[in-house]
Amino acid sequence: MKVVFFGSPASALPSLNALLKAGHEVRLVVTQPDKPAGRGKKLTPPPVKIFALDHGLEIIQPEKIRKDEQALERIKKAEPDVTGPTGR
């Protein structure tokens, strides 16, 4: 199955990993933008982004998904069989 995965926190990692292990084709990962963290306010990527990069998955990080026409177009272009709630 072709999938667009939506998630950011570490709690989403088991689901993403299970999709990959089951042999599904994760065509795109949609995750929150990197955010400042710690004393130095260093930009820190969400756990799902790190996992996706480690597994060679394509990533987009829109600020506001419903208002980002480029992100919505990229999701459509992935031609997923399954998407999150914004993947009309």
C-alpha atoms as a PDB file:
ATOM      1  CA  MET A   1       0.000   0.000   0.000  1.00  0.00           C
ATOM      2  CA  LYS A   2       1.230   3.517  -0.829  1.00  0.00           C
ATOM      3  CA  VAL A   3       1.141   5.674   2.315  1.00  0.00           C
ATOM      4  CA  VAL A   4       1.595   9.307   3.309  1.00  0.00           C
ATOM      5  CA  PHE A   5       2.418   9.300   7.021  1.00  0.00           C
ATOM      6  CA  PHE A   6       1.520  12.198   9.302  1.00  0.00           C
ATOM      7  CA  GLY A   7       3.312  12.409  12.662  1.00  0.00           C
ATOM      8  CA  SER A   8       5.963  14.176  14.706  1.00  0.00           C
ATOM      9  CA  PRO A   9       6.411  12.903  18.285  1.00  0.00           C
ATOM     10  CA  ALA A  10       8.271   9.807  19.412  1.00  0.00           C
ATOM     11  CA  SER A  11       4.920   8.153  20.122  1.00  0.00           C
ATOM     12  CA  ALA A  12       4.319   8.025  16.332  1.00  0.00           C
ATOM     13  CA  LEU A  13       7.490   6.017  15.663  1.00  0.00           C
ATOM     14  CA  PRO A  14       6.069   2.530  16.372  1.00  0.00           C
ATOM     15  CA  SER A  15       3.316   3.121  13.805  1.00  0.00           C
ATOM     16  CA  LEU A  16       5.728   4.352  11.145  1.00  0.00           C
ATOM     17  CA  ASN A  17       8.121   1.505  11.841  1.00  0.00           C
ATOM     18  CA  ALA A  18       5.280  -1.046  11.656  1.00  0.00           C
ATOM     19  CA  LEU A  19       4.221   0.296   8.251  1.00  0.00           C
ATOM     20  CA  LEU A  20       7.747  -0.119   6.935  1.00  0.00           C
ATOM     21  CA  LYS A  21       8.207  -3.588   8.428  1.00  0.00           C
ATOM     22  CA  ALA A  22       4.889  -4.694   6.921  1.00  0.00           C
ATOM     23  CA  GLY A  23       6.244  -3.769   3.506  1.00  0.00           C
ATOM     24  CA  HIS A  24       4.109  -0.715   2.838  1.00  0.00           C
ATOM     25  CA  GLU A  25       5.547   1.988   0.608  1.00  0.00           C
ATOM     26  CA  VAL A  26       5.813   5.151   2.690  1.00  0.00           C
ATOM     27  CA  ARG A  27       6.012   7.706  -0.098  1.00  0.00           C
ATOM     28  CA  LEU A  28       6.049  10.815   2.066  1.00  0.00           C
ATOM     29  CA  VAL A  29       6.328  11.774   5.732  1.00  0.00           C
ATOM     30  CA  VAL A  30       4.583  14.956   6.868  1.00  0.00           C
ATOM     31  CA  THR A  31       5.949  16.243  10.152  1.00  0.00           C
ATOM     32  CA  GLN A  32       6.131  19.484  12.117  1.00  0.00           C
ATOM     33  CA  PRO A  33       8.928  21.963  11.409  1.00  0.00           C
ATOM     34  CA  ASP A  34      12.111  21.844  13.489  1.00  0.00           C
ATOM     35  CA  LYS A  35      11.690  23.854  16.702  1.00  0.00           C
ATOM     36  CA  PRO A  36      14.089  25.709  18.996  1.00  0.00           C
ATOM     37  CA  ALA A  37      14.949  23.725  22.123  1.00  0.00           C
ATOM     38  CA  GLY A  38      17.302  23.927  25.077  1.00  0.00           C
ATOM     39  CA  ARG A  39      19.232  26.863  26.457  1.00  0.00           C
ATOM     40  CA  GLY A  40      20.778  27.760  23.140  1.00  0.00           C
ATOM     41  CA  LYS A  41      17.424  27.466  21.372  1.00  0.00           C
ATOM     42  CA  LYS A  42      19.082  25.202  18.810  1.00  0.00           C
ATOM     43  CA  LEU A  43      16.691  24.024  16.095  1.00  0.00           C
ATOM     44  CA  THR A  44      15.748  20.456  16.930  1.00  0.00           C
ATOM     45  CA  PRO A  45      14.014  18.116  14.483  1.00  0.00           C
ATOM     46  CA  PRO A  46      11.007  16.080  15.602  1.00  0.00           C
ATOM     47  CA  PRO A  47      11.692  12.376  16.281  1.00  0.00           C
ATOM     48  CA  VAL A  48       9.722  11.296  13.208  1.00  0.00           C
ATOM     49  CA  LYS A  49      11.949  13.444  10.970  1.00  0.00           C
ATOM     50  CA  ILE A  50      15.096  11.840  12.387  1.00  0.00           C
ATOM     51  CA  PHE A  51      13.651   8.354  11.865  1.00  0.00           C
ATOM     52  CA  ALA A  52      12.507   9.203   8.331  1.00  0.00           C
ATOM     53  CA  LEU A  53      15.923  10.576   7.369  1.00  0.00           C
ATOM     54  CA  ASP A  54      17.602   7.469   8.802  1.00  0.00           C
ATOM     55  CA  HIS A  55      15.329   5.332   6.608  1.00  0.00           C
ATOM     56  CA  GLY A  56      15.672   7.396   3.428  1.00  0.00           C
ATOM     57  CA  LEU A  57      12.076   8.620   3.416  1.00  0.00           C
ATOM     58  CA  GLU A  58      10.996  11.860   1.774  1.00  0.00           C
ATOM     59  CA  ILE A  59       9.891  14.543   4.255  1.00  0.00           C
ATOM     60  CA  ILE A  60       7.936  17.772   4.173  1.00  0.00           C
ATOM     61  CA  GLN A  61       7.533  20.111   7.160  1.00  0.00           C
ATOM     62  CA  PRO A  62       4.783  22.626   6.448  1.00  0.00           C
ATOM     63  CA  GLU A  63       3.955  25.293   9.043  1.00  0.00           C
ATOM     64  CA  LYS A  64       0.196  25.049   8.471  1.00  0.00           C
ATOM     65  CA  ILE A  65      -0.744  22.097   6.288  1.00  0.00           C
ATOM     66  CA  ARG A  66      -4.225  23.264   5.319  1.00  0.00           C
ATOM     67  CA  LYS A  67      -2.911  26.628   4.132  1.00  0.00           C
ATOM     68  CA  ASP A  68       0.180  25.320   2.345  1.00  0.00           C
ATOM     69  CA  GLU A  69      -0.804  24.675  -1.262  1.00  0.00           C
ATOM     70  CA  GLN A  70       2.657  23.300  -2.111  1.00  0.00           C
ATOM     71  CA  ALA A  71       2.424  20.750   0.706  1.00  0.00           C
ATOM     72  CA  LEU A  72      -1.079  19.708  -0.322  1.00  0.00           C
ATOM     73  CA  GLU A  73       0.067  19.343  -3.923  1.00  0.00           C
ATOM     74  CA  ARG A  74       3.069  17.242  -2.828  1.00  0.00           C
ATOM     75  CA  ILE A  75       0.743  14.945  -0.876  1.00  0.00           C
ATOM     76  CA  LYS A  76      -1.518  14.514  -3.911  1.00  0.00           C
ATOM     77  CA  LYS A  77       1.521  13.896  -6.116  1.00  0.00           C
ATOM     78  CA  ALA A  78       2.553  11.002  -3.853  1.00  0.00           C
ATOM     79  CA  GLU A  79      -0.677   9.255  -4.969  1.00  0.00           C
ATOM     80  CA  PRO A  80      -1.234   7.543  -1.620  1.00  0.00           C
ATOM     81  CA  ASP A  81      -3.734   4.760  -1.045  1.00  0.00           C
ATOM     82  CA  VAL A  82      -3.959   5.990   2.576  1.00  0.00           C
ATOM     83  CA  THR A  83      -3.448   9.457   4.118  1.00  0.00           C
ATOM     84  CA  GLY A  84      -4.168  11.369   7.282  1.00  0.00           C
ATOM     85  CA  PRO A  85      -7.243  13.536   7.772  1.00  0.00           C
ATOM     86  CA  THR A  86      -6.044  16.354   5.476  1.00  0.00           C
ATOM     87  CA  GLY A  87      -5.298  14.107   2.511  1.00  0.00           C
ATOM     88  CA  ARG A  88      -8.619  14.626   0.738  1.00  0.00           C
END
